[in-house]
N, C-alpha and C. Protein backbone atom coordinates (compact mmCIF):
# COMPACT_ATOMS: atom_id res chain seq x y z
N MET A 1 0.82 -1.19 0.00
CA MET A 1 0.00 0.00 0.00
C MET A 1 0.87 1.26 0.00
N ARG A 2 1.91 1.26 0.84
CA ARG A 2 2.80 2.41 0.89
C ARG A 2 3.49 2.62 -0.45
N THR A 3 3.90 1.53 -1.07
CA THR A 3 4.56 1.61 -2.38
C THR A 3 3.60 2.20 -3.41
N PHE A 4 2.34 1.76 -3.38
CA PHE A 4 1.35 2.27 -4.32
C PHE A 4 1.16 3.78 -4.14
N LEU A 5 1.04 4.23 -2.90
CA LEU A 5 0.88 5.66 -2.63
C LEU A 5 2.10 6.46 -3.09
N PHE A 6 3.28 5.90 -2.83
CA PHE A 6 4.50 6.57 -3.26
C PHE A 6 4.53 6.71 -4.78
N LEU A 7 4.21 5.63 -5.50
CA LEU A 7 4.20 5.67 -6.96
C LEU A 7 3.13 6.63 -7.49
N LEU A 8 1.97 6.64 -6.85
CA LEU A 8 0.90 7.55 -7.25
C LEU A 8 1.33 9.00 -7.04
N LEU A 9 1.95 9.28 -5.90
CA LEU A 9 2.43 10.62 -5.61
C LEU A 9 3.55 11.02 -6.58
N LEU A 10 4.44 10.09 -6.86
CA LEU A 10 5.52 10.35 -7.80
C LEU A 10 4.96 10.67 -9.19
N PHE A 11 4.01 9.87 -9.66
CA PHE A 11 3.40 10.10 -10.97
C PHE A 11 2.65 11.42 -11.00
N PHE A 12 1.85 11.67 -9.98
CA PHE A 12 1.06 12.91 -9.93
C PHE A 12 1.98 14.13 -9.87
N GLY A 13 3.02 14.04 -9.07
CA GLY A 13 3.96 15.16 -8.94
C GLY A 13 4.67 15.47 -10.24
N THR A 14 5.11 14.44 -10.95
CA THR A 14 5.82 14.70 -12.20
C THR A 14 4.88 15.14 -13.30
N SER A 15 3.63 14.70 -13.27
CA SER A 15 2.71 15.15 -14.31
C SER A 15 2.24 16.58 -14.07
N VAL A 16 2.17 17.00 -12.82
CA VAL A 16 1.79 18.37 -12.53
C VAL A 16 2.95 19.31 -12.82
N MET A 17 4.12 18.97 -12.33
CA MET A 17 5.28 19.83 -12.54
C MET A 17 5.71 19.76 -14.00
N GLY A 18 5.97 18.58 -14.49
CA GLY A 18 6.20 18.32 -15.89
C GLY A 18 7.38 18.98 -16.56
N LYS A 19 7.87 20.08 -16.04
CA LYS A 19 8.95 20.80 -16.68
C LYS A 19 10.25 20.50 -15.97
N GLU A 20 11.28 20.27 -16.76
CA GLU A 20 12.59 19.98 -16.19
C GLU A 20 13.26 21.27 -15.73
N PHE A 21 13.59 21.32 -14.46
CA PHE A 21 14.20 22.50 -13.84
C PHE A 21 15.64 22.64 -14.31
N ILE A 22 16.04 23.88 -14.65
CA ILE A 22 17.41 24.15 -15.08
C ILE A 22 18.15 24.99 -14.04
N ALA A 23 17.56 26.12 -13.64
CA ALA A 23 18.24 27.02 -12.70
C ALA A 23 17.25 27.99 -12.08
N LYS A 24 17.68 28.62 -10.99
CA LYS A 24 16.89 29.69 -10.38
C LYS A 24 17.86 30.71 -9.83
N GLY A 25 17.34 31.93 -9.59
CA GLY A 25 18.20 32.98 -9.06
C GLY A 25 17.44 34.25 -8.80
N LYS A 26 18.16 35.32 -8.51
CA LYS A 26 17.59 36.62 -8.16
C LYS A 26 17.75 37.60 -9.33
N THR A 27 16.77 38.50 -9.47
CA THR A 27 16.88 39.55 -10.47
C THR A 27 17.20 40.89 -9.83
N TYR A 28 16.94 41.04 -8.55
CA TYR A 28 17.08 42.31 -7.85
C TYR A 28 16.20 43.38 -8.49
N THR A 29 15.04 42.95 -8.97
CA THR A 29 14.04 43.87 -9.53
C THR A 29 12.70 43.53 -8.88
N ALA A 30 11.70 44.33 -9.19
CA ALA A 30 10.35 44.10 -8.67
C ALA A 30 9.74 42.80 -9.21
N MET A 31 10.30 42.24 -10.28
CA MET A 31 9.77 40.98 -10.81
C MET A 31 10.11 39.79 -9.93
N GLY A 32 11.05 39.95 -9.03
CA GLY A 32 11.38 38.89 -8.08
C GLY A 32 12.33 37.87 -8.65
N ASN A 33 12.43 36.75 -7.97
CA ASN A 33 13.33 35.68 -8.37
C ASN A 33 12.85 35.01 -9.65
N TYR A 34 13.77 34.38 -10.36
CA TYR A 34 13.42 33.68 -11.60
C TYR A 34 13.63 32.18 -11.46
N GLN A 35 12.97 31.45 -12.34
CA GLN A 35 13.15 30.01 -12.45
C GLN A 35 13.18 29.66 -13.94
N ILE A 36 14.17 28.88 -14.35
CA ILE A 36 14.32 28.48 -15.75
C ILE A 36 14.01 27.00 -15.87
N THR A 37 13.13 26.67 -16.83
CA THR A 37 12.78 25.27 -17.10
C THR A 37 12.87 25.01 -18.60
N ILE A 38 12.96 23.75 -18.96
CA ILE A 38 12.91 23.38 -20.38
C ILE A 38 11.47 23.53 -20.84
N CYS A 39 11.30 24.17 -21.98
CA CYS A 39 9.96 24.43 -22.52
C CYS A 39 9.35 23.14 -23.08
N ASP A 40 8.04 23.00 -22.86
CA ASP A 40 7.33 21.82 -23.36
C ASP A 40 7.23 21.79 -24.88
N HIS A 41 7.22 22.97 -25.50
CA HIS A 41 7.05 23.08 -26.95
C HIS A 41 8.24 23.81 -27.54
N PRO A 42 9.19 23.10 -28.17
CA PRO A 42 10.36 23.76 -28.73
C PRO A 42 10.01 24.70 -29.88
N CYS A 43 10.78 25.76 -30.02
CA CYS A 43 10.61 26.71 -31.12
C CYS A 43 11.21 26.10 -32.39
N VAL A 44 10.58 26.39 -33.51
CA VAL A 44 11.10 25.97 -34.81
C VAL A 44 11.23 27.21 -35.67
N ILE A 45 12.44 27.47 -36.16
CA ILE A 45 12.69 28.62 -37.02
C ILE A 45 13.36 28.12 -38.29
N ASN A 46 12.75 28.42 -39.43
CA ASN A 46 13.26 27.98 -40.74
C ASN A 46 13.56 26.48 -40.76
N GLY A 47 12.71 25.70 -40.13
CA GLY A 47 12.87 24.25 -40.12
C GLY A 47 13.84 23.72 -39.08
N ASP A 48 14.53 24.60 -38.37
CA ASP A 48 15.46 24.18 -37.31
C ASP A 48 14.74 24.18 -35.97
N THR A 49 14.80 23.05 -35.27
CA THR A 49 14.23 22.97 -33.92
C THR A 49 15.27 23.47 -32.93
N LEU A 50 14.89 24.47 -32.17
CA LEU A 50 15.81 25.10 -31.22
C LEU A 50 15.64 24.52 -29.83
N LYS A 51 16.72 24.52 -29.06
CA LYS A 51 16.60 24.25 -27.63
C LYS A 51 15.78 25.41 -27.08
N THR A 52 14.74 25.10 -26.33
CA THR A 52 13.84 26.16 -25.88
C THR A 52 13.62 26.07 -24.38
N PHE A 53 13.65 27.22 -23.73
CA PHE A 53 13.52 27.31 -22.29
C PHE A 53 12.46 28.36 -21.93
N THR A 54 11.87 28.20 -20.75
CA THR A 54 10.90 29.16 -20.24
C THR A 54 11.47 29.77 -18.97
N ILE A 55 11.35 31.10 -18.87
CA ILE A 55 11.75 31.81 -17.66
C ILE A 55 10.49 32.35 -17.02
N MET A 56 10.29 32.04 -15.74
CA MET A 56 9.15 32.55 -14.99
C MET A 56 9.68 33.35 -13.80
N TYR A 57 8.94 34.41 -13.46
CA TYR A 57 9.32 35.29 -12.36
C TYR A 57 8.29 35.20 -11.25
N ASP A 58 8.75 35.26 -10.01
CA ASP A 58 7.87 35.13 -8.84
C ASP A 58 6.76 36.16 -8.80
N ASN A 59 7.05 37.41 -9.14
CA ASN A 59 6.10 38.50 -8.97
C ASN A 59 5.50 39.00 -10.28
N SER A 60 5.51 38.17 -11.30
CA SER A 60 4.97 38.57 -12.59
C SER A 60 4.33 37.37 -13.29
N PRO A 61 3.18 37.58 -13.92
CA PRO A 61 2.57 36.47 -14.67
C PRO A 61 3.24 36.26 -16.02
N MET A 62 4.12 37.17 -16.42
CA MET A 62 4.77 37.08 -17.73
C MET A 62 5.73 35.90 -17.79
N GLU A 63 5.63 35.15 -18.88
CA GLU A 63 6.59 34.09 -19.16
C GLU A 63 7.47 34.55 -20.31
N VAL A 64 8.75 34.28 -20.19
CA VAL A 64 9.70 34.63 -21.22
C VAL A 64 10.20 33.32 -21.83
N VAL A 65 10.19 33.25 -23.15
CA VAL A 65 10.65 32.05 -23.86
C VAL A 65 11.98 32.37 -24.52
N VAL A 66 12.94 31.46 -24.35
CA VAL A 66 14.27 31.63 -24.94
C VAL A 66 14.56 30.45 -25.84
N GLY A 67 14.82 30.74 -27.11
CA GLY A 67 15.24 29.72 -28.07
C GLY A 67 16.72 29.91 -28.37
N ILE A 68 17.47 28.82 -28.37
CA ILE A 68 18.91 28.92 -28.59
C ILE A 68 19.24 28.37 -29.97
N ARG A 69 19.86 29.22 -30.77
CA ARG A 69 20.24 28.86 -32.13
C ARG A 69 21.75 28.96 -32.27
N GLU A 70 22.38 27.84 -32.65
CA GLU A 70 23.83 27.80 -32.75
C GLU A 70 24.28 27.95 -34.19
N PHE A 71 25.26 28.81 -34.37
CA PHE A 71 25.90 29.04 -35.65
C PHE A 71 27.38 28.67 -35.51
N LYS A 72 28.12 28.83 -36.59
CA LYS A 72 29.53 28.46 -36.58
C LYS A 72 30.34 29.26 -35.56
N ASN A 73 30.19 30.58 -35.55
CA ASN A 73 31.02 31.42 -34.70
C ASN A 73 30.28 32.07 -33.53
N GLN A 74 28.98 31.78 -33.38
CA GLN A 74 28.24 32.40 -32.29
C GLN A 74 27.00 31.59 -31.96
N THR A 75 26.47 31.84 -30.77
CA THR A 75 25.20 31.27 -30.34
C THR A 75 24.25 32.43 -30.09
N THR A 76 23.05 32.34 -30.65
CA THR A 76 22.07 33.40 -30.51
C THR A 76 20.95 32.93 -29.58
N TYR A 77 20.63 33.75 -28.59
CA TYR A 77 19.54 33.49 -27.65
C TYR A 77 18.38 34.39 -28.07
N ILE A 78 17.34 33.81 -28.64
CA ILE A 78 16.17 34.56 -29.10
C ILE A 78 15.19 34.62 -27.93
N VAL A 79 14.96 35.81 -27.41
CA VAL A 79 14.17 36.02 -26.20
C VAL A 79 12.86 36.69 -26.58
N THR A 80 11.74 36.04 -26.25
CA THR A 80 10.44 36.61 -26.58
C THR A 80 9.57 36.68 -25.33
N SER A 81 8.83 37.79 -25.25
CA SER A 81 7.85 37.97 -24.17
C SER A 81 6.67 38.71 -24.77
N GLU A 82 5.67 38.97 -23.95
CA GLU A 82 4.51 39.70 -24.44
C GLU A 82 4.83 41.17 -24.68
N LYS A 83 5.95 41.67 -24.14
CA LYS A 83 6.29 43.09 -24.27
C LYS A 83 7.33 43.37 -25.34
N ILE A 84 8.42 42.61 -25.35
CA ILE A 84 9.47 42.81 -26.35
C ILE A 84 10.08 41.47 -26.76
N SER A 85 10.69 41.46 -27.92
CA SER A 85 11.47 40.32 -28.39
C SER A 85 12.84 40.84 -28.78
N LEU A 86 13.87 40.11 -28.41
CA LEU A 86 15.23 40.56 -28.66
C LEU A 86 16.18 39.38 -28.74
N THR A 87 17.43 39.67 -29.06
CA THR A 87 18.42 38.61 -29.08
C THR A 87 19.61 38.98 -28.21
N TYR A 88 20.15 37.99 -27.56
CA TYR A 88 21.45 38.07 -26.92
C TYR A 88 22.37 37.19 -27.76
N VAL A 89 23.64 37.56 -27.86
CA VAL A 89 24.59 36.81 -28.66
C VAL A 89 25.79 36.44 -27.82
N GLN A 90 26.25 35.20 -28.00
CA GLN A 90 27.47 34.76 -27.35
C GLN A 90 28.48 34.37 -28.40
N THR A 91 29.65 34.98 -28.31
CA THR A 91 30.78 34.61 -29.16
C THR A 91 31.88 34.10 -28.24
N LYS A 92 33.02 33.79 -28.81
CA LYS A 92 34.14 33.36 -27.97
C LYS A 92 34.63 34.49 -27.08
N LYS A 93 34.38 35.74 -27.51
CA LYS A 93 34.90 36.89 -26.77
C LYS A 93 33.92 37.51 -25.80
N HIS A 94 32.60 37.47 -26.09
CA HIS A 94 31.67 38.16 -25.22
C HIS A 94 30.25 37.57 -25.27
N PHE A 95 29.45 37.99 -24.28
CA PHE A 95 28.03 37.67 -24.24
C PHE A 95 27.30 38.96 -23.91
N GLY A 96 26.26 39.29 -24.71
CA GLY A 96 25.49 40.49 -24.44
C GLY A 96 24.30 40.62 -25.37
N VAL A 97 23.47 41.63 -25.09
CA VAL A 97 22.28 41.87 -25.90
C VAL A 97 22.73 42.33 -27.28
N ASP A 98 22.01 41.89 -28.32
CA ASP A 98 22.41 42.20 -29.69
C ASP A 98 21.46 43.19 -30.34
N LYS A 99 20.17 42.82 -30.45
CA LYS A 99 19.22 43.72 -31.10
C LYS A 99 17.80 43.44 -30.63
N ILE A 100 16.97 44.45 -30.77
CA ILE A 100 15.54 44.33 -30.48
C ILE A 100 14.86 43.86 -31.77
N ILE A 101 14.11 42.79 -31.68
CA ILE A 101 13.40 42.26 -32.85
C ILE A 101 12.03 42.93 -32.97
N GLU A 102 11.34 43.04 -31.84
CA GLU A 102 9.99 43.61 -31.84
C GLU A 102 9.74 44.32 -30.52
N GLY A 103 9.04 45.44 -30.61
CA GLY A 103 8.70 46.22 -29.42
C GLY A 103 9.59 47.44 -29.32
N ASP A 104 8.99 48.56 -29.01
CA ASP A 104 9.78 49.79 -28.90
C ASP A 104 9.68 50.42 -27.51
N ASP A 105 8.99 49.77 -26.62
CA ASP A 105 8.83 50.28 -25.28
C ASP A 105 9.81 49.57 -24.34
N PHE A 106 11.09 49.90 -24.50
CA PHE A 106 12.11 49.28 -23.67
C PHE A 106 13.08 50.36 -23.17
N ASN A 107 13.85 50.02 -22.17
CA ASN A 107 14.80 50.93 -21.56
C ASN A 107 16.06 50.98 -22.43
N LYS A 108 16.19 52.03 -23.22
CA LYS A 108 17.30 52.15 -24.17
C LYS A 108 18.66 52.26 -23.47
N GLU A 109 18.70 52.97 -22.36
CA GLU A 109 19.96 53.09 -21.62
C GLU A 109 20.43 51.72 -21.13
N GLU A 110 19.52 50.95 -20.58
CA GLU A 110 19.87 49.61 -20.10
C GLU A 110 20.27 48.71 -21.26
N PHE A 111 19.62 48.88 -22.41
CA PHE A 111 19.98 48.11 -23.61
C PHE A 111 21.47 48.29 -23.92
N TYR A 112 21.95 49.52 -23.91
CA TYR A 112 23.36 49.77 -24.21
C TYR A 112 24.28 49.28 -23.10
N HIS A 113 23.80 49.28 -21.86
CA HIS A 113 24.62 48.74 -20.76
C HIS A 113 24.78 47.22 -20.86
N GLN A 114 23.85 46.57 -21.54
CA GLN A 114 23.91 45.11 -21.64
C GLN A 114 24.58 44.61 -22.93
N LYS A 115 25.18 45.50 -23.71
CA LYS A 115 25.81 45.09 -24.97
C LYS A 115 26.92 44.06 -24.73
N ILE A 116 27.68 44.24 -23.67
CA ILE A 116 28.70 43.25 -23.29
C ILE A 116 28.55 43.02 -21.80
N LEU A 117 28.04 41.84 -21.44
CA LEU A 117 27.85 41.51 -20.03
C LEU A 117 29.04 40.75 -19.47
N THR A 118 29.63 39.88 -20.28
CA THR A 118 30.73 39.05 -19.80
C THR A 118 31.43 38.41 -21.00
N SER A 119 32.47 37.67 -20.72
CA SER A 119 33.13 36.92 -21.78
C SER A 119 32.40 35.59 -21.96
N GLY A 120 32.80 34.82 -22.94
CA GLY A 120 32.13 33.55 -23.25
C GLY A 120 32.01 32.64 -22.04
N GLN A 121 30.93 31.87 -21.99
CA GLN A 121 30.67 30.98 -20.86
C GLN A 121 29.71 29.87 -21.28
N SER A 122 29.25 29.07 -20.32
CA SER A 122 28.38 27.94 -20.62
C SER A 122 26.96 28.39 -20.96
N GLU A 123 26.22 27.50 -21.60
CA GLU A 123 24.83 27.78 -21.96
C GLU A 123 23.99 28.07 -20.73
N LYS A 124 24.16 27.28 -19.68
CA LYS A 124 23.38 27.47 -18.45
C LYS A 124 23.67 28.84 -17.82
N GLU A 125 24.92 29.23 -17.77
CA GLU A 125 25.27 30.53 -17.20
C GLU A 125 24.72 31.67 -18.04
N SER A 126 24.72 31.49 -19.36
CA SER A 126 24.15 32.51 -20.24
C SER A 126 22.64 32.63 -20.03
N LEU A 127 21.96 31.51 -19.87
CA LEU A 127 20.52 31.55 -19.59
C LEU A 127 20.23 32.27 -18.28
N LYS A 128 21.06 32.04 -17.28
CA LYS A 128 20.88 32.72 -16.00
C LYS A 128 21.08 34.23 -16.14
N LEU A 129 22.03 34.64 -16.98
CA LEU A 129 22.23 36.07 -17.22
C LEU A 129 21.03 36.67 -17.94
N VAL A 130 20.48 35.97 -18.93
CA VAL A 130 19.29 36.45 -19.62
C VAL A 130 18.16 36.64 -18.61
N ALA A 131 17.93 35.64 -17.77
CA ALA A 131 16.85 35.70 -16.79
C ALA A 131 17.05 36.86 -15.81
N ALA A 132 18.27 37.09 -15.40
CA ALA A 132 18.54 38.14 -14.40
C ALA A 132 18.52 39.54 -15.01
N TYR A 133 19.00 39.70 -16.23
CA TYR A 133 19.12 41.03 -16.83
C TYR A 133 17.92 41.46 -17.66
N PHE A 134 17.15 40.52 -18.19
CA PHE A 134 16.01 40.85 -19.04
C PHE A 134 15.03 41.82 -18.37
N PRO A 135 14.67 41.65 -17.09
CA PRO A 135 13.71 42.58 -16.47
C PRO A 135 14.15 44.04 -16.50
N PHE A 136 15.46 44.30 -16.50
CA PHE A 136 15.95 45.68 -16.53
C PHE A 136 15.65 46.36 -17.86
N LEU A 137 15.41 45.58 -18.91
CA LEU A 137 15.10 46.15 -20.21
C LEU A 137 13.65 46.64 -20.32
N LEU A 138 12.79 46.19 -19.43
CA LEU A 138 11.38 46.56 -19.48
C LEU A 138 11.19 47.93 -18.85
N LYS A 139 10.53 48.83 -19.57
CA LYS A 139 10.33 50.20 -19.07
C LYS A 139 9.50 50.23 -17.79
N ASP A 140 8.50 49.35 -17.68
CA ASP A 140 7.64 49.39 -16.50
C ASP A 140 8.24 48.66 -15.31
N ASN A 141 9.49 48.28 -15.40
CA ASN A 141 10.16 47.58 -14.31
C ASN A 141 11.35 48.41 -13.84
N GLN A 142 11.16 49.68 -13.58
CA GLN A 142 12.25 50.56 -13.23
C GLN A 142 12.67 50.45 -11.77
N LYS A 143 11.84 49.85 -10.93
CA LYS A 143 12.18 49.71 -9.52
C LYS A 143 13.22 48.62 -9.36
N LYS A 144 14.34 48.95 -8.77
CA LYS A 144 15.39 47.97 -8.51
C LYS A 144 15.38 47.69 -7.01
N LEU A 145 15.48 46.42 -6.66
CA LEU A 145 15.50 46.03 -5.25
C LEU A 145 16.93 45.73 -4.85
N ILE A 146 17.28 46.13 -3.64
CA ILE A 146 18.65 45.87 -3.17
C ILE A 146 18.58 45.00 -1.95
């Protein structure tokens, strides 16, 4: 009986949660802490299936989707939300925001501050930087928490 309950709880828990956890951290903004999971539905661009992740914030209903597209000399992180869509680029030399794809209501000063965030690093660390720095680009998220 105990085994049955354990298996039932295990099945129920994994079917409810369903998303594979990647990382969590702080944004130091009003949006609160973030959590990164693997997205249930991968993005497809020009026939290429991208590694796709979802970023959720504690104090916001907004979900941010990140698709990772690898090229010969760089990796592009395509970041989409209900407010803006943009790309971050990682090369061997740097990681930072590249361009705004859609949306004009963003913090332009912060955009230029994020052009080079760090030197090259792992995919997981880059995702964590996207999750932590993305809220600063939103105009309605000007409150910074310390």
